[in-house]
Amino acid sequence: MFRHLCILLVTAALLGGVTACKPKPTAAQLQAVKVDAFRKRQKIEAIKAYTALVAKYPDSPYAPKAQERLNVLGPLPAATPAVKK
């Protein structure tokens, strides 16, 4: 019984030590992730706005430029995950 308990404790300590060795992301890495998420949200909002402009006001002088920008941005991503703001 004591032997099994010792083996269990040693195994738990080793597994805990392995997970504790994972390096924490630096401030620059965290900032890069935030900037990337922000840019993705901005792209999605731009696509929505340009699409609405072209659909609602096709005769507007701004519609051709909006359509040109939509062609550059590409289609709206199908599955957009919810992102905390």
PDB file of N, CA and C in Angstrom:
ATOM      1  N   MET A   1       0.830  -1.191   0.000  1.00  0.00           N
ATOM      2  CA  MET A   1       0.000   0.000   0.000  1.00  0.00           C
ATOM      3  C   MET A   1       0.874   1.254   0.000  1.00  0.00           C
ATOM      4  N   PHE A   2       1.860   1.258   0.893  1.00  0.00           N
ATOM      5  CA  PHE A   2       2.757   2.421   0.985  1.00  0.00           C
ATOM      6  C   PHE A   2       3.554   2.588  -0.302  1.00  0.00           C
ATOM      7  N   ARG A   3       3.942   1.489  -0.881  1.00  0.00           N
ATOM      8  CA  ARG A   3       4.731   1.524  -2.114  1.00  0.00           C
ATOM      9  C   ARG A   3       3.897   2.130  -3.254  1.00  0.00           C
ATOM     10  N   HIS A   4       2.638   1.740  -3.353  1.00  0.00           N
ATOM     11  CA  HIS A   4       1.754   2.269  -4.388  1.00  0.00           C
ATOM     12  C   HIS A   4       1.527   3.773  -4.192  1.00  0.00           C
ATOM     13  N   LEU A   5       1.400   4.163  -2.951  1.00  0.00           N
ATOM     14  CA  LEU A   5       1.210   5.579  -2.645  1.00  0.00           C
ATOM     15  C   LEU A   5       2.448   6.381  -3.031  1.00  0.00           C
ATOM     16  N   CYS A   6       3.618   5.862  -2.752  1.00  0.00           N
ATOM     17  CA  CYS A   6       4.865   6.544  -3.127  1.00  0.00           C
ATOM     18  C   CYS A   6       4.996   6.652  -4.637  1.00  0.00           C
ATOM     19  N   ILE A   7       4.664   5.594  -5.351  1.00  0.00           N
ATOM     20  CA  ILE A   7       4.738   5.620  -6.812  1.00  0.00           C
ATOM     21  C   ILE A   7       3.755   6.648  -7.368  1.00  0.00           C
ATOM     22  N   LEU A   8       2.580   6.684  -6.790  1.00  0.00           N
ATOM     23  CA  LEU A   8       1.572   7.642  -7.222  1.00  0.00           C
ATOM     24  C   LEU A   8       2.035   9.077  -6.977  1.00  0.00           C
ATOM     25  N   LEU A   9       2.615   9.337  -5.821  1.00  0.00           N
ATOM     26  CA  LEU A   9       3.099  10.685  -5.498  1.00  0.00           C
ATOM     27  C   LEU A   9       4.257  11.101  -6.394  1.00  0.00           C
ATOM     28  N   VAL A  10       5.171  10.190  -6.671  1.00  0.00           N
ATOM     29  CA  VAL A  10       6.304  10.495  -7.550  1.00  0.00           C
ATOM     30  C   VAL A  10       5.803  10.777  -8.960  1.00  0.00           C
ATOM     31  N   THR A  11       4.870   9.986  -9.447  1.00  0.00           N
ATOM     32  CA  THR A  11       4.304  10.199 -10.779  1.00  0.00           C
ATOM     33  C   THR A  11       3.601  11.548 -10.866  1.00  0.00           C
ATOM     34  N   ALA A  12       2.821  11.886  -9.856  1.00  0.00           N
ATOM     35  CA  ALA A  12       2.125  13.176  -9.844  1.00  0.00           C
ATOM     36  C   ALA A  12       3.121  14.328  -9.822  1.00  0.00           C
ATOM     37  N   ALA A  13       4.195  14.192  -9.063  1.00  0.00           N
ATOM     38  CA  ALA A  13       5.206  15.248  -8.993  1.00  0.00           C
ATOM     39  C   ALA A  13       5.907  15.413 -10.341  1.00  0.00           C
ATOM     40  N   LEU A  14       6.210  14.313 -10.999  1.00  0.00           N
ATOM     41  CA  LEU A  14       6.865  14.388 -12.309  1.00  0.00           C
ATOM     42  C   LEU A  14       5.938  15.009 -13.350  1.00  0.00           C
ATOM     43  N   LEU A  15       4.682  14.616 -13.356  1.00  0.00           N
ATOM     44  CA  LEU A  15       3.734  15.191 -14.310  1.00  0.00           C
ATOM     45  C   LEU A  15       3.505  16.672 -14.035  1.00  0.00           C
ATOM     46  N   GLY A  16       3.448  17.030 -12.796  1.00  0.00           N
ATOM     47  CA  GLY A  16       3.297  18.445 -12.435  1.00  0.00           C
ATOM     48  C   GLY A  16       4.501  19.258 -12.846  1.00  0.00           C
ATOM     49  N   GLY A  17       5.674  18.676 -12.737  1.00  0.00           N
ATOM     50  CA  GLY A  17       6.896  19.371 -13.128  1.00  0.00           C
ATOM     51  C   GLY A  17       6.988  19.577 -14.629  1.00  0.00           C
ATOM     52  N   VAL A  18       6.486  18.629 -15.388  1.00  0.00           N
ATOM     53  CA  VAL A  18       6.529  18.743 -16.844  1.00  0.00           C
ATOM     54  C   VAL A  18       5.621  19.871 -17.318  1.00  0.00           C
ATOM     55  N   THR A  19       4.445  19.977 -16.748  1.00  0.00           N
ATOM     56  CA  THR A  19       3.529  21.028 -17.176  1.00  0.00           C
ATOM     57  C   THR A  19       3.984  22.395 -16.680  1.00  0.00           C
ATOM     58  N   ALA A  20       4.722  22.441 -15.617  1.00  0.00           N
ATOM     59  CA  ALA A  20       5.196  23.711 -15.092  1.00  0.00           C
ATOM     60  C   ALA A  20       6.340  24.273 -15.923  1.00  0.00           C
ATOM     61  N   CYS A  21       6.949  23.469 -16.768  1.00  0.00           N
ATOM     62  CA  CYS A  21       8.083  23.913 -17.578  1.00  0.00           C
ATOM     63  C   CYS A  21       7.656  24.646 -18.840  1.00  0.00           C
ATOM     64  N   LYS A  22       6.382  24.712 -19.112  1.00  0.00           N
ATOM     65  CA  LYS A  22       5.904  25.392 -20.310  1.00  0.00           C
ATOM     66  C   LYS A  22       6.196  26.887 -20.174  1.00  0.00           C
ATOM     67  N   PRO A  23       6.892  27.469 -21.155  1.00  0.00           N
ATOM     68  CA  PRO A  23       7.237  28.884 -21.038  1.00  0.00           C
ATOM     69  C   PRO A  23       6.002  29.773 -21.197  1.00  0.00           C
ATOM     70  N   LYS A  24       5.978  30.839 -20.434  1.00  0.00           N
ATOM     71  CA  LYS A  24       4.882  31.795 -20.524  1.00  0.00           C
ATOM     72  C   LYS A  24       5.132  32.710 -21.714  1.00  0.00           C
ATOM     73  N   PRO A  25       4.058  33.114 -22.392  1.00  0.00           N
ATOM     74  CA  PRO A  25       4.250  34.021 -23.522  1.00  0.00           C
ATOM     75  C   PRO A  25       4.741  35.392 -23.041  1.00  0.00           C
ATOM     76  N   THR A  26       5.558  36.003 -23.858  1.00  0.00           N
ATOM     77  CA  THR A  26       6.080  37.319 -23.507  1.00  0.00           C
ATOM     78  C   THR A  26       5.015  38.371 -23.765  1.00  0.00           C
ATOM     79  N   ALA A  27       5.252  39.558 -23.265  1.00  0.00           N
ATOM     80  CA  ALA A  27       4.316  40.665 -23.468  1.00  0.00           C
ATOM     81  C   ALA A  27       4.174  40.969 -24.958  1.00  0.00           C
ATOM     82  N   ALA A  28       5.259  40.868 -25.701  1.00  0.00           N
ATOM     83  CA  ALA A  28       5.210  41.126 -27.143  1.00  0.00           C
ATOM     84  C   ALA A  28       4.359  40.076 -27.861  1.00  0.00           C
ATOM     85  N   GLN A  29       4.456  38.825 -27.427  1.00  0.00           N
ATOM     86  CA  GLN A  29       3.649  37.769 -28.042  1.00  0.00           C
ATOM     87  C   GLN A  29       2.170  37.968 -27.737  1.00  0.00           C
ATOM     88  N   LEU A  30       1.866  38.327 -26.497  1.00  0.00           N
ATOM     89  CA  LEU A  30       0.472  38.582 -26.130  1.00  0.00           C
ATOM     90  C   LEU A  30      -0.089  39.766 -26.911  1.00  0.00           C
ATOM     91  N   GLN A  31       0.719  40.808 -27.066  1.00  0.00           N
ATOM     92  CA  GLN A  31       0.286  41.981 -27.822  1.00  0.00           C
ATOM     93  C   GLN A  31       0.058  41.613 -29.283  1.00  0.00           C
ATOM     94  N   ALA A  32       0.913  40.780 -29.847  1.00  0.00           N
ATOM     95  CA  ALA A  32       0.758  40.362 -31.241  1.00  0.00           C
ATOM     96  C   ALA A  32      -0.542  39.589 -31.441  1.00  0.00           C
ATOM     97  N   VAL A  33      -0.910  38.755 -30.477  1.00  0.00           N
ATOM     98  CA  VAL A  33      -2.165  38.010 -30.564  1.00  0.00           C
ATOM     99  C   VAL A  33      -3.345  38.969 -30.514  1.00  0.00           C
ATOM    100  N   LYS A  34      -3.272  39.968 -29.643  1.00  0.00           N
ATOM    101  CA  LYS A  34      -4.357  40.950 -29.539  1.00  0.00           C
ATOM    102  C   LYS A  34      -4.496  41.760 -30.825  1.00  0.00           C
ATOM    103  N   VAL A  35      -3.373  42.171 -31.389  1.00  0.00           N
ATOM    104  CA  VAL A  35      -3.400  42.959 -32.625  1.00  0.00           C
ATOM    105  C   VAL A  35      -3.976  42.131 -33.763  1.00  0.00           C
ATOM    106  N   ASP A  36      -3.590  40.861 -33.838  1.00  0.00           N
ATOM    107  CA  ASP A  36      -4.105  39.985 -34.885  1.00  0.00           C
ATOM    108  C   ASP A  36      -5.623  39.823 -34.764  1.00  0.00           C
ATOM    109  N   ALA A  37      -6.113  39.616 -33.554  1.00  0.00           N
ATOM    110  CA  ALA A  37      -7.554  39.475 -33.333  1.00  0.00           C
ATOM    111  C   ALA A  37      -8.285  40.761 -33.698  1.00  0.00           C
ATOM    112  N   PHE A  38      -7.701  41.902 -33.345  1.00  0.00           N
ATOM    113  CA  PHE A  38      -8.309  43.192 -33.671  1.00  0.00           C
ATOM    114  C   PHE A  38      -8.402  43.371 -35.185  1.00  0.00           C
ATOM    115  N   ARG A  39      -7.336  43.045 -35.889  1.00  0.00           N
ATOM    116  CA  ARG A  39      -7.333  43.201 -37.349  1.00  0.00           C
ATOM    117  C   ARG A  39      -8.350  42.281 -38.016  1.00  0.00           C
ATOM    118  N   LYS A  40      -8.506  41.082 -37.494  1.00  0.00           N
ATOM    119  CA  LYS A  40      -9.501  40.165 -38.045  1.00  0.00           C
ATOM    120  C   LYS A  40     -10.910  40.720 -37.856  1.00  0.00           C
ATOM    121  N   ARG A  41     -11.186  41.262 -36.651  1.00  0.00           N
ATOM    122  CA  ARG A  41     -12.503  41.858 -36.397  1.00  0.00           C
ATOM    123  C   ARG A  41     -12.738  43.051 -37.310  1.00  0.00           C
ATOM    124  N   GLN A  42     -11.714  43.882 -37.500  1.00  0.00           N
ATOM    125  CA  GLN A  42     -11.851  45.061 -38.354  1.00  0.00           C
ATOM    126  C   GLN A  42     -12.117  44.655 -39.805  1.00  0.00           C
ATOM    127  N   LYS A  43     -11.461  43.610 -40.268  1.00  0.00           N
ATOM    128  CA  LYS A  43     -11.665  43.138 -41.632  1.00  0.00           C
ATOM    129  C   LYS A  43     -13.100  42.666 -41.816  1.00  0.00           C
ATOM    130  N   ILE A  44     -13.608  41.923 -40.848  1.00  0.00           N
ATOM    131  CA  ILE A  44     -14.985  41.424 -40.915  1.00  0.00           C
ATOM    132  C   ILE A  44     -15.969  42.587 -40.942  1.00  0.00           C
ATOM    133  N   GLU A  45     -15.753  43.579 -40.091  1.00  0.00           N
ATOM    134  CA  GLU A  45     -16.647  44.744 -40.057  1.00  0.00           C
ATOM    135  C   GLU A  45     -16.577  45.541 -41.356  1.00  0.00           C
ATOM    136  N   ALA A  46     -15.386  45.656 -41.936  1.00  0.00           N
ATOM    137  CA  ALA A  46     -15.242  46.369 -43.209  1.00  0.00           C
ATOM    138  C   ALA A  46     -15.991  45.641 -44.317  1.00  0.00           C
ATOM    139  N   ILE A  47     -15.877  44.323 -44.368  1.00  0.00           N
ATOM    140  CA  ILE A  47     -16.582  43.537 -45.380  1.00  0.00           C
ATOM    141  C   ILE A  47     -18.089  43.728 -45.237  1.00  0.00           C
ATOM    142  N   LYS A  48     -18.577  43.698 -44.007  1.00  0.00           N
ATOM    143  CA  LYS A  48     -20.008  43.894 -43.775  1.00  0.00           C
ATOM    144  C   LYS A  48     -20.457  45.282 -44.226  1.00  0.00           C
ATOM    145  N   ALA A  49     -19.679  46.307 -43.897  1.00  0.00           N
ATOM    146  CA  ALA A  49     -20.050  47.676 -44.250  1.00  0.00           C
ATOM    147  C   ALA A  49     -20.026  47.891 -45.762  1.00  0.00           C
ATOM    148  N   TYR A  50     -18.983  47.413 -46.433  1.00  0.00           N
ATOM    149  CA  TYR A  50     -18.905  47.573 -47.889  1.00  0.00           C
ATOM    150  C   TYR A  50     -20.020  46.796 -48.585  1.00  0.00           C
ATOM    151  N   THR A  51     -20.328  45.612 -48.083  1.00  0.00           N
ATOM    152  CA  THR A  51     -21.406  44.820 -48.662  1.00  0.00           C
ATOM    153  C   THR A  51     -22.740  45.536 -48.523  1.00  0.00           C
ATOM    154  N   ALA A  52     -22.982  46.103 -47.348  1.00  0.00           N
ATOM    155  CA  ALA A  52     -24.228  46.839 -47.121  1.00  0.00           C
ATOM    156  C   ALA A  52     -24.306  48.067 -48.024  1.00  0.00           C
ATOM    157  N   LEU A  53     -23.204  48.777 -48.188  1.00  0.00           N
ATOM    158  CA  LEU A  53     -23.198  49.959 -49.039  1.00  0.00           C
ATOM    159  C   LEU A  53     -23.513  49.599 -50.484  1.00  0.00           C
ATOM    160  N   VAL A  54     -22.879  48.549 -50.988  1.00  0.00           N
ATOM    161  CA  VAL A  54     -23.111  48.138 -52.374  1.00  0.00           C
ATOM    162  C   VAL A  54     -24.547  47.644 -52.558  1.00  0.00           C
ATOM    163  N   ALA A  55     -25.088  46.942 -51.559  1.00  0.00           N
ATOM    164  CA  ALA A  55     -26.447  46.404 -51.668  1.00  0.00           C
ATOM    165  C   ALA A  55     -27.505  47.505 -51.560  1.00  0.00           C
ATOM    166  N   LYS A  56     -27.332  48.438 -50.616  1.00  0.00           N
ATOM    167  CA  LYS A  56     -28.342  49.478 -50.381  1.00  0.00           C
ATOM    168  C   LYS A  56     -28.270  50.620 -51.391  1.00  0.00           C
ATOM    169  N   TYR A  57     -27.065  50.972 -51.786  1.00  0.00           N
ATOM    170  CA  TYR A  57     -26.868  52.142 -52.637  1.00  0.00           C
ATOM    171  C   TYR A  57     -26.021  51.794 -53.864  1.00  0.00           C
ATOM    172  N   PRO A  58     -26.523  50.963 -54.752  1.00  0.00           N
ATOM    173  CA  PRO A  58     -25.721  50.562 -55.907  1.00  0.00           C
ATOM    174  C   PRO A  58     -25.408  51.714 -56.868  1.00  0.00           C
ATOM    175  N   ASP A  59     -26.219  52.768 -56.864  1.00  0.00           N
ATOM    176  CA  ASP A  59     -25.999  53.908 -57.753  1.00  0.00           C
ATOM    177  C   ASP A  59     -25.145  54.994 -57.112  1.00  0.00           C
ATOM    178  N   SER A  60     -24.699  54.769 -55.914  1.00  0.00           N
ATOM    179  CA  SER A  60     -23.871  55.745 -55.203  1.00  0.00           C
ATOM    180  C   SER A  60     -22.520  55.891 -55.894  1.00  0.00           C
ATOM    181  N   PRO A  61     -21.936  57.099 -55.829  1.00  0.00           N
ATOM    182  CA  PRO A  61     -20.593  57.258 -56.401  1.00  0.00           C
ATOM    183  C   PRO A  61     -19.534  56.465 -55.615  1.00  0.00           C
ATOM    184  N   TYR A  62     -19.870  56.024 -54.412  1.00  0.00           N
ATOM    185  CA  TYR A  62     -18.933  55.264 -53.582  1.00  0.00           C
ATOM    186  C   TYR A  62     -19.034  53.755 -53.805  1.00  0.00           C
ATOM    187  N   ALA A  63     -20.074  53.302 -54.470  1.00  0.00           N
ATOM    188  CA  ALA A  63     -20.295  51.874 -54.679  1.00  0.00           C
ATOM    189  C   ALA A  63     -19.169  51.200 -55.464  1.00  0.00           C
ATOM    190  N   PRO A  64     -18.674  51.794 -56.558  1.00  0.00           N
ATOM    191  CA  PRO A  64     -17.581  51.115 -57.277  1.00  0.00           C
ATOM    192  C   PRO A  64     -16.320  50.929 -56.420  1.00  0.00           C
ATOM    193  N   LYS A  65     -15.976  51.944 -55.631  1.00  0.00           N
ATOM    194  CA  LYS A  65     -14.793  51.835 -54.761  1.00  0.00           C
ATOM    195  C   LYS A  65     -15.031  50.772 -53.681  1.00  0.00           C
ATOM    196  N   ALA A  66     -16.257  50.731 -53.138  1.00  0.00           N
ATOM    197  CA  ALA A  66     -16.585  49.723 -52.128  1.00  0.00           C
ATOM    198  C   ALA A  66     -16.493  48.326 -52.732  1.00  0.00           C
ATOM    199  N   GLN A  67     -16.968  48.156 -53.953  1.00  0.00           N
ATOM    200  CA  GLN A  67     -16.890  46.852 -54.606  1.00  0.00           C
ATOM    201  C   GLN A  67     -15.437  46.469 -54.871  1.00  0.00           C
ATOM    202  N   GLU A  68     -14.638  47.437 -55.248  1.00  0.00           N
ATOM    203  CA  GLU A  68     -13.209  47.185 -55.475  1.00  0.00           C
ATOM    204  C   GLU A  68     -12.538  46.714 -54.181  1.00  0.00           C
ATOM    205  N   ARG A  69     -12.865  47.359 -53.084  1.00  0.00           N
ATOM    206  CA  ARG A  69     -12.283  46.973 -51.797  1.00  0.00           C
ATOM    207  C   ARG A  69     -12.787  45.605 -51.347  1.00  0.00           C
ATOM    208  N   LEU A  70     -14.046  45.308 -51.647  1.00  0.00           N
ATOM    209  CA  LEU A  70     -14.568  43.972 -51.333  1.00  0.00           C
ATOM    210  C   LEU A  70     -13.812  42.897 -52.107  1.00  0.00           C
ATOM    211  N   ASN A  71     -13.486  43.185 -53.364  1.00  0.00           N
ATOM    212  CA  ASN A  71     -12.735  42.220 -54.160  1.00  0.00           C
ATOM    213  C   ASN A  71     -11.356  41.971 -53.557  1.00  0.00           C
ATOM    214  N   VAL A  72     -10.743  42.999 -52.987  1.00  0.00           N
ATOM    215  CA  VAL A  72      -9.429  42.852 -52.363  1.00  0.00           C
ATOM    216  C   VAL A  72      -9.538  42.097 -51.035  1.00  0.00           C
ATOM    217  N   LEU A  73     -10.559  42.416 -50.242  1.00  0.00           N
ATOM    218  CA  LEU A  73     -10.713  41.791 -48.928  1.00  0.00           C
ATOM    219  C   LEU A  73     -11.137  40.331 -49.013  1.00  0.00           C
ATOM    220  N   GLY A  74     -11.865  39.984 -50.050  1.00  0.00           N
ATOM    221  CA  GLY A  74     -12.321  38.608 -50.188  1.00  0.00           C
ATOM    222  C   GLY A  74     -13.662  38.408 -49.495  1.00  0.00           C
ATOM    223  N   PRO A  75     -14.147  37.169 -49.486  1.00  0.00           N
ATOM    224  CA  PRO A  75     -15.451  36.888 -48.886  1.00  0.00           C
ATOM    225  C   PRO A  75     -15.412  36.918 -47.361  1.00  0.00           C
ATOM    226  N   LEU A  76     -16.576  37.067 -46.802  1.00  0.00           N
ATOM    227  CA  LEU A  76     -16.727  37.043 -45.347  1.00  0.00           C
ATOM    228  C   LEU A  76     -16.468  35.625 -44.862  1.00  0.00           C
ATOM    229  N   PRO A  77     -15.614  35.450 -43.828  1.00  0.00           N
ATOM    230  CA  PRO A  77     -15.362  34.099 -43.309  1.00  0.00           C
ATOM    231  C   PRO A  77     -16.657  33.429 -42.868  1.00  0.00           C
ATOM    232  N   ALA A  78     -16.816  32.164 -43.188  1.00  0.00           N
ATOM    233  CA  ALA A  78     -18.058  31.442 -42.893  1.00  0.00           C
ATOM    234  C   ALA A  78     -18.282  31.269 -41.389  1.00  0.00           C
ATOM    235  N   ALA A  79     -17.289  30.764 -40.698  1.00  0.00           N
ATOM    236  CA  ALA A  79     -17.414  30.529 -39.254  1.00  0.00           C
ATOM    237  C   ALA A  79     -16.532  31.536 -38.528  1.00  0.00           C
ATOM    238  N   THR A  80     -17.154  32.568 -37.994  1.00  0.00           N
ATOM    239  CA  THR A  80     -16.420  33.591 -37.272  1.00  0.00           C
ATOM    240  C   THR A  80     -16.577  33.331 -35.778  1.00  0.00           C
ATOM    241  N   PRO A  81     -15.497  32.974 -35.068  1.00  0.00           N
ATOM    242  CA  PRO A  81     -15.616  32.714 -33.635  1.00  0.00           C
ATOM    243  C   PRO A  81     -15.886  33.996 -32.864  1.00  0.00           C
ATOM    244  N   ALA A  82     -16.611  33.855 -31.771  1.00  0.00           N
ATOM    245  CA  ALA A  82     -16.871  34.998 -30.908  1.00  0.00           C
ATOM    246  C   ALA A  82     -15.588  35.411 -30.212  1.00  0.00           C
ATOM    247  N   VAL A  83     -15.279  36.695 -30.272  1.00  0.00           N
ATOM    248  CA  VAL A  83     -14.050  37.211 -29.684  1.00  0.00           C
ATOM    249  C   VAL A  83     -14.435  38.234 -28.626  1.00  0.00           C
ATOM    250  N   LYS A  84     -13.795  38.140 -27.462  1.00  0.00           N
ATOM    251  CA  LYS A  84     -14.068  39.106 -26.404  1.00  0.00           C
ATOM    252  C   LYS A  84     -13.520  40.457 -26.809  1.00  0.00           C
ATOM    253  N   LYS A  85     -14.289  41.482 -26.504  1.00  0.00           N
ATOM    254  CA  LYS A  85     -13.838  42.838 -26.814  1.00  0.00           C
ATOM    255  C   LYS A  85     -13.265  43.495 -25.596  1.00  0.00           C
TER     256      LYS A  85
END
